[in-house]
């Protein structure tokens, strides 16, 4: 993952999150490292994201694919699908 990854969520992303609350996907973290984040959804789908966040294996998260935002413990983080 490059050093220019931006964590801050843009106002437009916040607006999209508010407009489409049904788009959230519940997931569990598989791993997070310098290459990004690997998630597995509750439906069994694997999702790879470019996101800078520290997560432990099994930590619950939610991904909003429309806004490209990851919710971790009440914090929103920009997260692009790889």
C-alpha atoms as a PDB file:
ATOM      1  CA  UNK A   1       0.000   0.000   0.000  1.00  0.00           C
ATOM      2  CA  UNK A   2       1.461   3.370  -0.930  1.00  0.00           C
ATOM      3  CA  UNK A   3       2.236   6.074   1.612  1.00  0.00           C
ATOM      4  CA  UNK A   4      -0.263   8.440  -0.009  1.00  0.00           C
ATOM      5  CA  UNK A   5      -3.331   6.509   1.188  1.00  0.00           C
ATOM      6  CA  UNK A   6      -5.777   8.992   2.695  1.00  0.00           C
ATOM      7  CA  UNK A   7      -7.693   8.005   5.821  1.00  0.00           C
ATOM      8  CA  UNK A   8      -9.956  11.041   6.011  1.00  0.00           C
ATOM      9  CA  UNK A   9     -13.490  10.508   4.762  1.00  0.00           C
ATOM     10  CA  UNK A  10     -14.659  13.193   2.346  1.00  0.00           C
ATOM     11  CA  UNK A  11     -17.925  15.105   2.870  1.00  0.00           C
ATOM     12  CA  UNK A  12     -19.327  13.490  -0.300  1.00  0.00           C
ATOM     13  CA  UNK A  13     -18.598  10.032   1.108  1.00  0.00           C
ATOM     14  CA  UNK A  14     -20.424  10.945   4.313  1.00  0.00           C
ATOM     15  CA  UNK A  15     -23.396  12.112   2.237  1.00  0.00           C
ATOM     16  CA  UNK A  16     -23.441   8.814   0.296  1.00  0.00           C
ATOM     17  CA  UNK A  17     -23.271   6.829   3.542  1.00  0.00           C
ATOM     18  CA  UNK A  18     -26.260   8.780   4.866  1.00  0.00           C
ATOM     19  CA  UNK A  19     -28.216   8.432   1.618  1.00  0.00           C
ATOM     20  CA  UNK A  20     -27.722   4.628   1.293  1.00  0.00           C
ATOM     21  CA  UNK A  21     -27.699   3.112   4.782  1.00  0.00           C
ATOM     22  CA  UNK A  22     -28.814  -0.238   3.353  1.00  0.00           C
ATOM     23  CA  UNK A  23     -25.543  -0.629   1.403  1.00  0.00           C
ATOM     24  CA  UNK A  24     -23.466  -1.506   4.490  1.00  0.00           C
ATOM     25  CA  UNK A  25     -21.935  -4.998   4.417  1.00  0.00           C
ATOM     26  CA  UNK A  26     -21.133  -6.626   7.765  1.00  0.00           C
ATOM     27  CA  UNK A  27     -17.784  -8.395   7.794  1.00  0.00           C
ATOM     28  CA  UNK A  28     -14.941  -9.696   9.924  1.00  0.00           C
ATOM     29  CA  UNK A  29     -11.324  -8.684   9.473  1.00  0.00           C
ATOM     30  CA  UNK A  30      -9.052 -11.480   8.290  1.00  0.00           C
ATOM     31  CA  UNK A  31      -5.851  -9.439   8.355  1.00  0.00           C
ATOM     32  CA  UNK A  32      -4.559  -5.900   7.989  1.00  0.00           C
ATOM     33  CA  UNK A  33      -1.029  -5.055   6.948  1.00  0.00           C
ATOM     34  CA  UNK A  34       0.967  -2.665   4.766  1.00  0.00           C
ATOM     35  CA  UNK A  35      -0.773  -4.100   1.673  1.00  0.00           C
ATOM     36  CA  UNK A  36      -4.270  -3.297   2.930  1.00  0.00           C
ATOM     37  CA  UNK A  37      -7.151  -5.068   4.624  1.00  0.00           C
ATOM     38  CA  UNK A  38      -8.694  -8.461   3.923  1.00  0.00           C
ATOM     39  CA  UNK A  39     -12.286  -9.002   5.051  1.00  0.00           C
ATOM     40  CA  UNK A  40     -14.737 -11.844   4.892  1.00  0.00           C
ATOM     41  CA  UNK A  41     -18.419 -10.946   4.848  1.00  0.00           C
ATOM     42  CA  UNK A  42     -21.008 -12.809   6.868  1.00  0.00           C
ATOM     43  CA  UNK A  43     -22.124 -14.305   3.520  1.00  0.00           C
ATOM     44  CA  UNK A  44     -18.595 -15.693   2.972  1.00  0.00           C
ATOM     45  CA  UNK A  45     -17.373 -13.240   0.288  1.00  0.00           C
ATOM     46  CA  UNK A  46     -13.755 -12.103   0.506  1.00  0.00           C
ATOM     47  CA  UNK A  47     -13.107  -8.393   0.083  1.00  0.00           C
ATOM     48  CA  UNK A  48      -9.664  -6.815  -0.310  1.00  0.00           C
ATOM     49  CA  UNK A  49      -9.362  -3.110   0.470  1.00  0.00           C
ATOM     50  CA  UNK A  50      -6.726  -0.420   0.260  1.00  0.00           C
ATOM     51  CA  UNK A  51      -7.137   1.097   3.713  1.00  0.00           C
ATOM     52  CA  UNK A  52      -4.791   2.165   6.455  1.00  0.00           C
ATOM     53  CA  UNK A  53      -6.174   0.766   9.680  1.00  0.00           C
ATOM     54  CA  UNK A  54      -5.037  -1.556  12.450  1.00  0.00           C
ATOM     55  CA  UNK A  55      -7.351  -4.532  12.805  1.00  0.00           C
ATOM     56  CA  UNK A  56      -7.088  -7.801  14.625  1.00  0.00           C
ATOM     57  CA  UNK A  57      -8.222 -11.058  13.044  1.00  0.00           C
ATOM     58  CA  UNK A  58     -11.929 -11.544  13.702  1.00  0.00           C
ATOM     59  CA  UNK A  59     -12.620  -7.893  14.499  1.00  0.00           C
ATOM     60  CA  UNK A  60     -16.114  -6.862  13.335  1.00  0.00           C
ATOM     61  CA  UNK A  61     -16.296  -4.116  10.695  1.00  0.00           C
ATOM     62  CA  UNK A  62     -18.735  -2.819   8.097  1.00  0.00           C
ATOM     63  CA  UNK A  63     -17.900  -1.858   4.516  1.00  0.00           C
ATOM     64  CA  UNK A  64     -19.939   0.586   2.418  1.00  0.00           C
ATOM     65  CA  UNK A  65     -19.034  -0.274  -1.204  1.00  0.00           C
ATOM     66  CA  UNK A  66     -20.874   2.693  -2.721  1.00  0.00           C
ATOM     67  CA  UNK A  67     -19.070   5.276  -0.580  1.00  0.00           C
ATOM     68  CA  UNK A  68     -15.849   3.214  -0.285  1.00  0.00           C
ATOM     69  CA  UNK A  69     -15.845   3.614   3.492  1.00  0.00           C
ATOM     70  CA  UNK A  70     -14.931   1.151   6.233  1.00  0.00           C
ATOM     71  CA  UNK A  71     -16.524   1.491   9.687  1.00  0.00           C
ATOM     72  CA  UNK A  72     -14.353   0.275  12.546  1.00  0.00           C
ATOM     73  CA  UNK A  73     -15.391   0.847  16.134  1.00  0.00           C
ATOM     74  CA  UNK A  74     -17.409   3.965  15.340  1.00  0.00           C
ATOM     75  CA  UNK A  75     -14.715   5.479  13.098  1.00  0.00           C
ATOM     76  CA  UNK A  76     -15.130   5.881   9.328  1.00  0.00           C
ATOM     77  CA  UNK A  77     -12.066   5.262   7.145  1.00  0.00           C
ATOM     78  CA  UNK A  78     -11.650   5.624   3.384  1.00  0.00           C
ATOM     79  CA  UNK A  79     -11.282   2.164   1.855  1.00  0.00           C
ATOM     80  CA  UNK A  80     -11.020   1.435  -1.872  1.00  0.00           C
ATOM     81  CA  UNK A  81     -11.729  -2.043  -3.144  1.00  0.00           C
ATOM     82  CA  UNK A  82      -8.663  -3.687  -4.731  1.00  0.00           C
END
